[in-house]
Amino acid sequence: MSKNGQQKAQQNLEAFEVWRATQTEESFKQIIFRGQLNRAEIAKGVGCGKSALNQNPALRKALKTLEDKLREKGVLPPLTESAKSNADKPKQYDNTANRKLLDSKRVSALEAENIELKAKVKELESKLERFGELNETLSEMGLMPR
């Protein structure tokens, strides 16, 4: 089975090389996502899974080489210092990220509702003031019982 996996890895690498050779700088610009080439688009073009781009060491190295060359040509933006220093480190999983996103959306919705309600209160207070004056005037004129 490992032979079969190695063969598939080699096939994916060859398919990547063919795909890379058929691309132009303009086509690479079309698939830039967050400062790097979009892995999903590459996987579609190569005909492999996205996981192969991370798990196949030879394919991962070829992709990094391609991105480095594209950075030298100015097609991709240069890496920031923090990206360079953290390039080989695995990303730490943030299990609170989803909760933070939900909280942020909820806060935003509540702030919008609060603004709407404040406007409604202001409108109703002005109507109440107007009708209070009208009530007072009608009482003074004797048109309403006191």
C-alpha atoms as a PDB file:
ATOM      1  CA  MET A   1       0.000   0.000   0.000  1.00  0.00           C
ATOM      2  CA  SER A   2       2.867   2.414   0.746  1.00  0.00           C
ATOM      3  CA  LYS A   3       4.173   1.829  -2.781  1.00  0.00           C
ATOM      4  CA  ASN A   4       0.773   2.838  -4.095  1.00  0.00           C
ATOM      5  CA  GLY A   5       0.812   5.955  -1.887  1.00  0.00           C
ATOM      6  CA  GLN A   6       4.296   6.818  -3.111  1.00  0.00           C
ATOM      7  CA  GLN A   7       3.180   6.378  -6.714  1.00  0.00           C
ATOM      8  CA  LYS A   8       0.171   8.642  -6.127  1.00  0.00           C
ATOM      9  CA  ALA A   9       2.436  11.221  -4.500  1.00  0.00           C
ATOM     10  CA  GLN A  10       4.747  11.117  -7.511  1.00  0.00           C
ATOM     11  CA  GLN A  11       1.781  11.411  -9.898  1.00  0.00           C
ATOM     12  CA  ASN A  12       0.502  14.443  -7.979  1.00  0.00           C
ATOM     13  CA  LEU A  13       3.940  16.062  -8.122  1.00  0.00           C
ATOM     14  CA  GLU A  14       4.152  15.469 -11.894  1.00  0.00           C
ATOM     15  CA  ALA A  15       0.619  16.807 -12.370  1.00  0.00           C
ATOM     16  CA  PHE A  16       1.592  19.891 -10.335  1.00  0.00           C
ATOM     17  CA  GLU A  17       4.653  20.477 -12.523  1.00  0.00           C
ATOM     18  CA  VAL A  18       2.514  20.213 -15.680  1.00  0.00           C
ATOM     19  CA  TRP A  19      -0.099  22.567 -14.213  1.00  0.00           C
ATOM     20  CA  ARG A  20       2.578  25.069 -13.144  1.00  0.00           C
ATOM     21  CA  ALA A  21       4.133  25.048 -16.619  1.00  0.00           C
ATOM     22  CA  THR A  22       0.791  25.876 -18.234  1.00  0.00           C
ATOM     23  CA  GLN A  23       0.100  28.896 -16.004  1.00  0.00           C
ATOM     24  CA  THR A  24       0.998  32.509 -16.732  1.00  0.00           C
ATOM     25  CA  GLU A  25       1.764  35.262 -14.228  1.00  0.00           C
ATOM     26  CA  GLU A  26      -1.708  36.639 -14.924  1.00  0.00           C
ATOM     27  CA  SER A  27      -3.373  33.316 -14.147  1.00  0.00           C
ATOM     28  CA  PHE A  28      -1.401  33.106 -10.901  1.00  0.00           C
ATOM     29  CA  LYS A  29      -2.649  36.600  -9.988  1.00  0.00           C
ATOM     30  CA  GLN A  30      -6.213  35.352 -10.441  1.00  0.00           C
ATOM     31  CA  ILE A  31      -5.836  32.748  -7.690  1.00  0.00           C
ATOM     32  CA  ILE A  32      -4.079  34.796  -4.992  1.00  0.00           C
ATOM     33  CA  PHE A  33      -5.784  34.452  -1.621  1.00  0.00           C
ATOM     34  CA  ARG A  34      -4.439  36.059   1.565  1.00  0.00           C
ATOM     35  CA  GLY A  35      -1.007  36.668   0.141  1.00  0.00           C
ATOM     36  CA  GLN A  36      -0.469  33.183  -1.274  1.00  0.00           C
ATOM     37  CA  LEU A  37      -1.820  30.982  -4.023  1.00  0.00           C
ATOM     38  CA  ASN A  38      -5.261  29.568  -3.263  1.00  0.00           C
ATOM     39  CA  ARG A  39      -4.737  25.936  -2.298  1.00  0.00           C
ATOM     40  CA  ALA A  40      -8.243  24.881  -3.354  1.00  0.00           C
ATOM     41  CA  GLU A  41      -7.742  26.322  -6.852  1.00  0.00           C
ATOM     42  CA  ILE A  42      -4.340  24.647  -7.174  1.00  0.00           C
ATOM     43  CA  ALA A  43      -5.811  21.311  -6.072  1.00  0.00           C
ATOM     44  CA  LYS A  44      -8.566  21.652  -8.713  1.00  0.00           C
ATOM     45  CA  GLY A  45      -6.030  22.486 -11.407  1.00  0.00           C
ATOM     46  CA  VAL A  46      -3.712  19.637 -10.450  1.00  0.00           C
ATOM     47  CA  GLY A  47      -6.532  17.157  -9.893  1.00  0.00           C
ATOM     48  CA  CYS A  48      -5.606  16.197  -6.348  1.00  0.00           C
ATOM     49  CA  GLY A  49      -6.989  16.873  -2.895  1.00  0.00           C
ATOM     50  CA  LYS A  50      -6.019  19.951  -0.895  1.00  0.00           C
ATOM     51  CA  SER A  51      -4.547  17.636   1.716  1.00  0.00           C
ATOM     52  CA  ALA A  52      -1.982  16.401  -0.819  1.00  0.00           C
ATOM     53  CA  LEU A  53      -0.562  19.937  -1.027  1.00  0.00           C
ATOM     54  CA  ASN A  54       0.209  19.807   2.709  1.00  0.00           C
ATOM     55  CA  GLN A  55       0.963  16.126   3.240  1.00  0.00           C
ATOM     56  CA  ASN A  56       3.169  15.405   0.224  1.00  0.00           C
ATOM     57  CA  PRO A  57       6.620  16.800   1.146  1.00  0.00           C
ATOM     58  CA  ALA A  58       7.858  17.010  -2.448  1.00  0.00           C
ATOM     59  CA  LEU A  59       4.653  18.737  -3.587  1.00  0.00           C
ATOM     60  CA  ARG A  60       4.756  21.117  -0.606  1.00  0.00           C
ATOM     61  CA  LYS A  61       8.380  22.018  -1.430  1.00  0.00           C
ATOM     62  CA  ALA A  62       7.559  22.567  -5.120  1.00  0.00           C
ATOM     63  CA  LEU A  63       4.663  24.842  -4.173  1.00  0.00           C
ATOM     64  CA  LYS A  64       6.848  26.827  -1.766  1.00  0.00           C
ATOM     65  CA  THR A  65       9.504  27.206  -4.469  1.00  0.00           C
ATOM     66  CA  LEU A  66       6.857  28.420  -6.927  1.00  0.00           C
ATOM     67  CA  GLU A  67       5.500  30.954  -4.431  1.00  0.00           C
ATOM     68  CA  ASP A  68       9.042  32.175  -3.623  1.00  0.00           C
ATOM     69  CA  LYS A  69       9.725  32.729  -7.344  1.00  0.00           C
ATOM     70  CA  LEU A  70       6.409  34.574  -7.727  1.00  0.00           C
ATOM     71  CA  ARG A  71       7.339  36.785  -4.757  1.00  0.00           C
ATOM     72  CA  GLU A  72      10.683  37.619  -6.405  1.00  0.00           C
ATOM     73  CA  LYS A  73       8.844  38.608  -9.600  1.00  0.00           C
ATOM     74  CA  GLY A  74       6.366  40.725  -7.622  1.00  0.00           C
ATOM     75  CA  VAL A  75       3.335  38.597  -8.500  1.00  0.00           C
ATOM     76  CA  LEU A  76       2.795  37.669  -4.844  1.00  0.00           C
ATOM     77  CA  PRO A  77       3.286  40.169  -2.010  1.00  0.00           C
ATOM     78  CA  PRO A  78       6.458  39.741   0.064  1.00  0.00           C
ATOM     79  CA  LEU A  79       6.219  37.807   3.332  1.00  0.00           C
ATOM     80  CA  THR A  80       6.051  39.840   6.515  1.00  0.00           C
ATOM     81  CA  GLU A  81       8.689  39.282   9.194  1.00  0.00           C
ATOM     82  CA  SER A  82       6.230  37.404  11.422  1.00  0.00           C
ATOM     83  CA  ALA A  83       5.207  35.173   8.498  1.00  0.00           C
ATOM     84  CA  LYS A  84       8.869  34.376   7.805  1.00  0.00           C
ATOM     85  CA  SER A  85       9.591  33.521  11.432  1.00  0.00           C
ATOM     86  CA  ASN A  86       6.450  31.370  11.790  1.00  0.00           C
ATOM     87  CA  ALA A  87       6.622  29.688   8.381  1.00  0.00           C
ATOM     88  CA  ASP A  88       7.671  26.268   9.669  1.00  0.00           C
ATOM     89  CA  LYS A  89       5.689  26.344  12.907  1.00  0.00           C
ATOM     90  CA  PRO A  90       2.230  24.779  13.016  1.00  0.00           C
ATOM     91  CA  LYS A  91      -0.601  27.201  13.655  1.00  0.00           C
ATOM     92  CA  GLN A  92      -2.037  27.088  17.136  1.00  0.00           C
ATOM     93  CA  TYR A  93      -5.699  26.138  17.127  1.00  0.00           C
ATOM     94  CA  ASP A  94      -7.924  28.752  18.711  1.00  0.00           C
ATOM     95  CA  ASN A  95     -10.983  26.989  20.070  1.00  0.00           C
ATOM     96  CA  THR A  96     -12.529  30.325  21.057  1.00  0.00           C
ATOM     97  CA  ALA A  97     -12.436  31.814  17.552  1.00  0.00           C
ATOM     98  CA  ASN A  98     -15.925  30.612  16.637  1.00  0.00           C
ATOM     99  CA  ARG A  99     -17.381  31.912  19.917  1.00  0.00           C
ATOM    100  CA  LYS A 100     -15.655  35.273  19.374  1.00  0.00           C
ATOM    101  CA  LEU A 101     -17.126  35.510  15.876  1.00  0.00           C
ATOM    102  CA  LEU A 102     -20.631  34.715  17.134  1.00  0.00           C
ATOM    103  CA  ASP A 103     -20.247  37.195  19.996  1.00  0.00           C
ATOM    104  CA  SER A 104     -19.019  39.859  17.611  1.00  0.00           C
ATOM    105  CA  LYS A 105     -22.018  39.346  15.314  1.00  0.00           C
ATOM    106  CA  ARG A 106     -24.412  39.418  18.276  1.00  0.00           C
ATOM    107  CA  VAL A 107     -22.867  42.619  19.667  1.00  0.00           C
ATOM    108  CA  SER A 108     -23.138  44.223  16.248  1.00  0.00           C
ATOM    109  CA  ALA A 109     -26.821  43.258  15.924  1.00  0.00           C
ATOM    110  CA  LEU A 110     -27.559  44.508  19.452  1.00  0.00           C
ATOM    111  CA  GLU A 111     -25.825  47.823  18.774  1.00  0.00           C
ATOM    112  CA  ALA A 112     -27.905  48.304  15.624  1.00  0.00           C
ATOM    113  CA  GLU A 113     -31.107  47.460  17.534  1.00  0.00           C
ATOM    114  CA  ASN A 114     -30.079  49.861  20.316  1.00  0.00           C
ATOM    115  CA  ILE A 115     -29.620  52.708  17.828  1.00  0.00           C
ATOM    116  CA  GLU A 116     -33.045  52.001  16.297  1.00  0.00           C
ATOM    117  CA  LEU A 117     -34.707  51.922  19.718  1.00  0.00           C
ATOM    118  CA  LYS A 118     -33.059  55.180  20.805  1.00  0.00           C
ATOM    119  CA  ALA A 119     -34.373  56.863  17.650  1.00  0.00           C
ATOM    120  CA  LYS A 120     -37.862  55.456  18.328  1.00  0.00           C
ATOM    121  CA  VAL A 121     -37.766  56.702  21.958  1.00  0.00           C
ATOM    122  CA  LYS A 122     -36.728  60.179  20.805  1.00  0.00           C
ATOM    123  CA  GLU A 123     -39.566  60.230  18.269  1.00  0.00           C
ATOM    124  CA  LEU A 124     -42.131  59.100  20.861  1.00  0.00           C
ATOM    125  CA  GLU A 125     -40.876  61.621  23.437  1.00  0.00           C
ATOM    126  CA  SER A 126     -41.334  64.450  20.938  1.00  0.00           C
ATOM    127  CA  LYS A 127     -44.881  63.236  20.171  1.00  0.00           C
ATOM    128  CA  LEU A 128     -45.655  62.969  23.893  1.00  0.00           C
ATOM    129  CA  GLU A 129     -44.397  66.506  24.475  1.00  0.00           C
ATOM    130  CA  ARG A 130     -46.531  67.813  21.598  1.00  0.00           C
ATOM    131  CA  PHE A 131     -49.658  66.003  22.825  1.00  0.00           C
ATOM    132  CA  GLY A 132     -48.990  67.112  26.412  1.00  0.00           C
ATOM    133  CA  GLU A 133     -49.018  70.740  25.266  1.00  0.00           C
ATOM    134  CA  LEU A 134     -52.202  70.106  23.248  1.00  0.00           C
ATOM    135  CA  ASN A 135     -53.851  68.469  26.274  1.00  0.00           C
ATOM    136  CA  GLU A 136     -52.890  71.444  28.454  1.00  0.00           C
ATOM    137  CA  THR A 137     -54.256  73.921  25.907  1.00  0.00           C
ATOM    138  CA  LEU A 138     -57.547  72.048  25.565  1.00  0.00           C
ATOM    139  CA  SER A 139     -57.904  71.902  29.354  1.00  0.00           C
ATOM    140  CA  GLU A 140     -57.320  75.647  29.679  1.00  0.00           C
ATOM    141  CA  MET A 141     -59.918  76.345  27.012  1.00  0.00           C
ATOM    142  CA  GLY A 142     -62.397  74.225  28.917  1.00  0.00           C
ATOM    143  CA  LEU A 143     -62.862  71.727  26.141  1.00  0.00           C
ATOM    144  CA  MET A 144     -61.681  68.880  28.354  1.00  0.00           C
ATOM    145  CA  PRO A 145     -62.623  68.119  31.926  1.00  0.00           C
ATOM    146  CA  ARG A 146     -59.818  68.664  34.390  1.00  0.00           C
END
